[in-house]
Amino acid sequence: MERKPVVVVLHGPSGVGKDTVIDRLREKTGIHRALSSTSRAPRPGEIDGVSYYFLSAAEFEAKIQADEFAEYARVYNDWKGVEKSEILPYLDAGTDVIIRTDVQGARTWRRRLAGAVFIFLMAEDRDVLRTRLIERNTEDGDSLATRLEELEKELEDIPNNDYVVLNQDARLDEAVCEIERIIERERTNPERPIPHLVA
C-alpha cells in the first residue's frame, strides 16, 4: 500500500500545550515543524529561526508580494504566516510535516492545503485552559482578555477537524502517542490525497 507523507495541521486554544506536544513529537519521530514567520517582536526567550522567523512588517509584506507564503493572516494586529519553503521541499522528500496554527489559520489551511490531517488539541475542559493561560503569565491584561475571548471561537471549530486529541496535565506522552498513531494510519489512508497546495 502506498505510504504518503502526512501534513498535520494542529490547532487548539492558547494554553493547551501545542508547542510542548510538537517538541516531543519531533524528538520521537523527526517530523518537520513548518516554522511560522511573524512581524511581531520576539518575546523574552524566543529565538529567531527557532521560535519563529521574526520579520519586520515591510519584510513580511514584500514576501507576500513575491508569493512566498502558503498561508498568512493578520493576527492580533501583526502578520503571521508559513512560507512555502517550510512545506513543499519536505513533502517532495517524503517527510511528514506539522503546522501549528490557530482557528483562523486552520480555516485558511482547509482551503489551501488539500490532503492535510486536521487535529484539534484540547485540555480536559475550559477551566483548565483558562487556568493555564493565566498562569503562563506571558500576556498583558488586554492580550489575555483577547485570548480568553478567542477560546470560545477555537472550541466552536472542533467539529471541523479530523481528530480531537486530549492533552491532559501530566499525560503528555499519551497525547503524543495518539498523534503518532494518527499519522501512521493516515500515511496509508487510500481516501486521503497526497498533500498539495491549492491555488
Protein backbone atom coordinates (compact mmCIF):
# COMPACT_ATOMS: atom_id res chain seq x y z
CA MET A 1 0.00 0.00 0.00
CA GLU A 2 1.27 3.49 -0.88
CA ARG A 3 2.82 5.41 2.02
CA LYS A 4 2.20 9.13 1.58
CA PRO A 5 3.81 11.95 3.54
CA VAL A 6 1.37 13.43 6.03
CA VAL A 7 0.78 17.10 6.82
CA VAL A 8 -0.75 17.58 10.25
CA VAL A 9 -2.43 20.91 10.95
CA LEU A 10 -2.53 21.14 14.74
CA HIS A 11 -4.56 23.78 16.44
CA GLY A 12 -6.41 24.43 19.65
CA PRO A 13 -6.86 27.14 22.26
CA SER A 14 -3.98 29.16 23.68
CA GLY A 15 -2.51 27.38 26.69
CA VAL A 16 -3.41 23.86 25.53
CA GLY A 17 0.25 22.87 25.05
CA LYS A 18 0.68 22.81 21.27
CA ASP A 19 4.39 23.66 21.36
CA THR A 20 5.15 21.08 24.05
CA VAL A 21 3.34 18.35 22.10
CA ILE A 22 5.11 19.28 18.87
CA ASP A 23 8.54 19.35 20.54
CA ARG A 24 8.04 15.86 21.97
CA LEU A 25 6.65 14.56 18.67
CA ARG A 26 9.70 15.90 16.82
CA GLU A 27 12.02 14.20 19.31
CA LYS A 28 10.28 10.87 18.79
CA THR A 29 9.56 10.88 15.06
CA GLY A 30 11.68 13.51 13.30
CA ILE A 31 8.57 15.16 11.83
CA HIS A 32 9.37 18.58 10.34
CA ARG A 33 7.73 21.54 12.04
CA ALA A 34 6.79 24.19 9.49
CA LEU A 35 8.02 27.25 11.32
CA SER A 36 5.84 30.34 11.10
CA SER A 37 7.02 33.84 10.29
CA THR A 38 5.69 36.83 12.20
CA SER A 39 6.04 40.60 12.20
CA ARG A 40 5.62 40.88 15.97
CA ALA A 41 8.60 41.44 18.24
CA PRO A 42 10.17 38.41 19.95
CA ARG A 43 9.00 37.67 23.48
CA PRO A 44 11.59 37.00 26.20
CA GLY A 45 13.37 33.73 25.46
CA GLU A 46 12.20 33.46 21.85
CA ILE A 47 14.89 32.87 19.22
CA ASP A 48 14.75 33.82 15.54
CA GLY A 49 14.71 30.69 13.39
CA VAL A 50 13.73 28.51 16.36
CA SER A 51 10.56 30.03 17.80
CA TYR A 52 9.55 31.94 14.65
CA TYR A 53 11.17 33.74 11.78
CA PHE A 54 10.93 37.32 13.00
CA LEU A 55 10.44 39.78 10.14
CA SER A 56 9.67 43.47 10.00
CA ALA A 57 6.22 44.36 8.66
CA ALA A 58 7.91 45.63 5.48
CA GLU A 59 9.85 42.37 5.03
CA PHE A 60 6.71 40.32 5.59
CA GLU A 61 4.71 42.37 3.09
CA ALA A 62 7.50 42.06 0.50
CA LYS A 63 7.29 38.26 0.83
CA ILE A 64 3.51 38.45 0.37
CA GLN A 65 4.03 40.39 -2.86
CA ALA A 66 6.57 37.79 -4.01
CA ASP A 67 4.02 34.98 -3.37
CA GLU A 68 6.33 33.24 -0.89
CA PHE A 69 3.64 32.35 1.65
CA ALA A 70 1.47 29.25 1.63
CA GLU A 71 -0.78 30.92 4.21
CA TYR A 72 -0.77 34.25 6.03
CA ALA A 73 -3.09 36.49 8.02
CA ARG A 74 -3.24 39.43 10.40
CA VAL A 75 -3.33 38.05 13.95
CA TYR A 76 -3.60 40.38 16.96
CA ASN A 77 -2.56 43.29 14.67
CA ASP A 78 0.59 41.53 13.45
CA TRP A 79 1.34 39.49 10.34
CA LYS A 80 1.72 35.74 10.76
CA GLY A 81 2.16 33.05 8.13
CA VAL A 82 4.02 30.00 6.82
CA GLU A 83 6.29 30.19 3.80
CA LYS A 84 6.00 27.61 1.03
CA SER A 85 9.66 26.70 1.60
CA GLU A 86 8.69 25.33 5.03
CA ILE A 87 6.36 22.75 3.46
CA LEU A 88 6.91 21.87 -0.20
CA PRO A 89 10.56 20.67 -0.17
CA TYR A 90 9.80 18.36 2.76
CA LEU A 91 6.76 16.84 1.08
CA ASP A 92 8.81 16.32 -2.09
CA ALA A 93 11.32 14.39 0.04
CA GLY A 94 8.55 12.24 1.56
CA THR A 95 8.91 13.83 5.02
CA ASP A 96 5.92 14.34 7.32
CA VAL A 97 5.19 17.97 8.26
CA ILE A 98 3.34 19.50 11.20
CA ILE A 99 1.88 23.01 11.15
CA ARG A 100 0.93 24.76 14.40
CA THR A 101 -1.83 27.31 13.93
CA ASP A 102 -4.92 28.93 15.41
CA VAL A 103 -8.57 28.69 14.38
CA GLN A 104 -8.19 31.43 11.76
CA GLY A 105 -5.20 29.64 10.25
CA ALA A 106 -6.99 26.29 10.32
CA ARG A 107 -9.84 27.72 8.26
CA THR A 108 -7.35 29.00 5.69
CA TRP A 109 -5.41 25.72 5.57
CA ARG A 110 -8.64 23.83 4.83
CA ARG A 111 -8.91 25.89 1.64
CA ARG A 112 -5.21 25.99 0.79
CA LEU A 113 -3.85 22.53 1.64
CA ALA A 114 -5.61 19.51 0.17
CA GLY A 115 -4.94 16.18 1.86
CA ALA A 116 -3.92 17.64 5.24
CA VAL A 117 -4.96 16.00 8.51
CA PHE A 118 -6.58 18.41 10.98
CA ILE A 119 -6.10 17.68 14.67
CA PHE A 120 -7.71 19.74 17.42
CA LEU A 121 -5.70 19.67 20.65
CA MET A 122 -7.87 20.04 23.74
CA ALA A 123 -7.40 20.11 27.50
CA GLU A 124 -9.77 18.45 29.96
CA ASP A 125 -12.16 21.41 29.98
CA ARG A 126 -12.48 25.20 29.63
CA ASP A 127 -11.50 25.89 33.24
CA VAL A 128 -8.17 24.09 32.80
CA LEU A 129 -7.47 26.16 29.68
CA ARG A 130 -8.28 29.43 31.43
CA THR A 131 -6.02 28.49 34.34
CA ARG A 132 -3.13 27.56 32.01
CA LEU A 133 -3.44 30.86 30.14
CA ILE A 134 -3.45 32.92 33.31
CA GLU A 135 -0.59 31.00 34.94
CA ARG A 136 1.52 31.25 31.77
CA ASN A 137 1.90 34.96 32.57
CA THR A 138 3.10 35.90 29.07
CA GLU A 139 0.24 38.27 28.19
CA ASP A 140 -0.68 41.72 29.43
CA GLY A 141 -4.25 42.32 30.63
CA ASP A 142 -5.71 43.29 27.25
CA SER A 143 -3.98 40.47 25.39
CA LEU A 144 -5.10 37.93 27.98
CA ALA A 145 -8.69 39.10 27.67
CA THR A 146 -8.49 38.79 23.88
CA ARG A 147 -7.10 35.26 24.11
CA LEU A 148 -9.81 34.22 26.55
CA GLU A 149 -12.42 35.50 24.07
CA GLU A 150 -10.70 33.56 21.27
CA LEU A 151 -11.02 30.39 23.37
CA GLU A 152 -14.71 30.07 22.53
CA LYS A 153 -14.06 30.58 18.80
CA GLU A 154 -11.50 27.79 18.88
CA LEU A 155 -13.88 25.42 20.66
CA GLU A 156 -16.62 26.10 18.09
CA ASP A 157 -14.29 24.75 15.40
CA ILE A 158 -13.96 21.27 16.94
CA PRO A 159 -16.46 19.58 14.55
CA ASN A 160 -14.45 20.74 11.50
CA ASN A 161 -11.41 18.63 12.42
CA ASP A 162 -10.49 15.05 11.53
CA TYR A 163 -9.43 14.19 15.09
CA VAL A 164 -9.59 15.60 18.61
CA VAL A 165 -6.69 14.73 20.93
CA LEU A 166 -6.71 15.41 24.68
CA ASN A 167 -3.54 16.87 26.20
CA GLN A 168 -4.23 16.38 29.88
CA ASP A 169 -1.97 17.58 32.69
CA ALA A 170 0.89 15.16 33.37
CA ARG A 171 -0.18 12.92 30.46
CA LEU A 172 1.79 14.47 27.60
CA ASP A 173 3.10 11.15 26.27
CA GLU A 174 -0.44 9.82 25.82
CA ALA A 175 -1.30 12.77 23.56
CA VAL A 176 1.93 12.39 21.59
CA CYS A 177 1.43 8.64 21.11
CA GLU A 178 -2.11 9.22 19.89
CA ILE A 179 -0.88 11.69 17.27
CA GLU A 180 1.79 9.19 16.21
CA ARG A 181 -0.92 6.57 15.66
CA ILE A 182 -2.98 9.05 13.63
CA ILE A 183 -0.01 9.85 11.38
CA GLU A 184 0.74 6.17 10.82
CA ARG A 185 -2.89 5.50 9.92
CA GLU A 186 -3.11 8.44 7.53
CA ARG A 187 0.09 7.53 5.68
CA THR A 188 -1.77 4.61 4.11
CA ASN A 189 -5.28 6.08 4.02
CA PRO A 190 -6.45 5.50 0.41
CA GLU A 191 -9.13 8.17 0.77
CA ARG A 192 -6.68 10.97 1.52
CA PRO A 193 -4.91 12.61 -1.45
CA ILE A 194 -1.19 13.34 -1.40
CA PRO A 195 -0.92 16.74 0.36
CA HIS A 196 -0.62 19.69 -2.01
CA LEU A 197 -1.25 23.41 -2.06
CA VAL A 198 -4.38 24.65 -3.81
CA ALA A 199 -4.26 27.96 -5.68
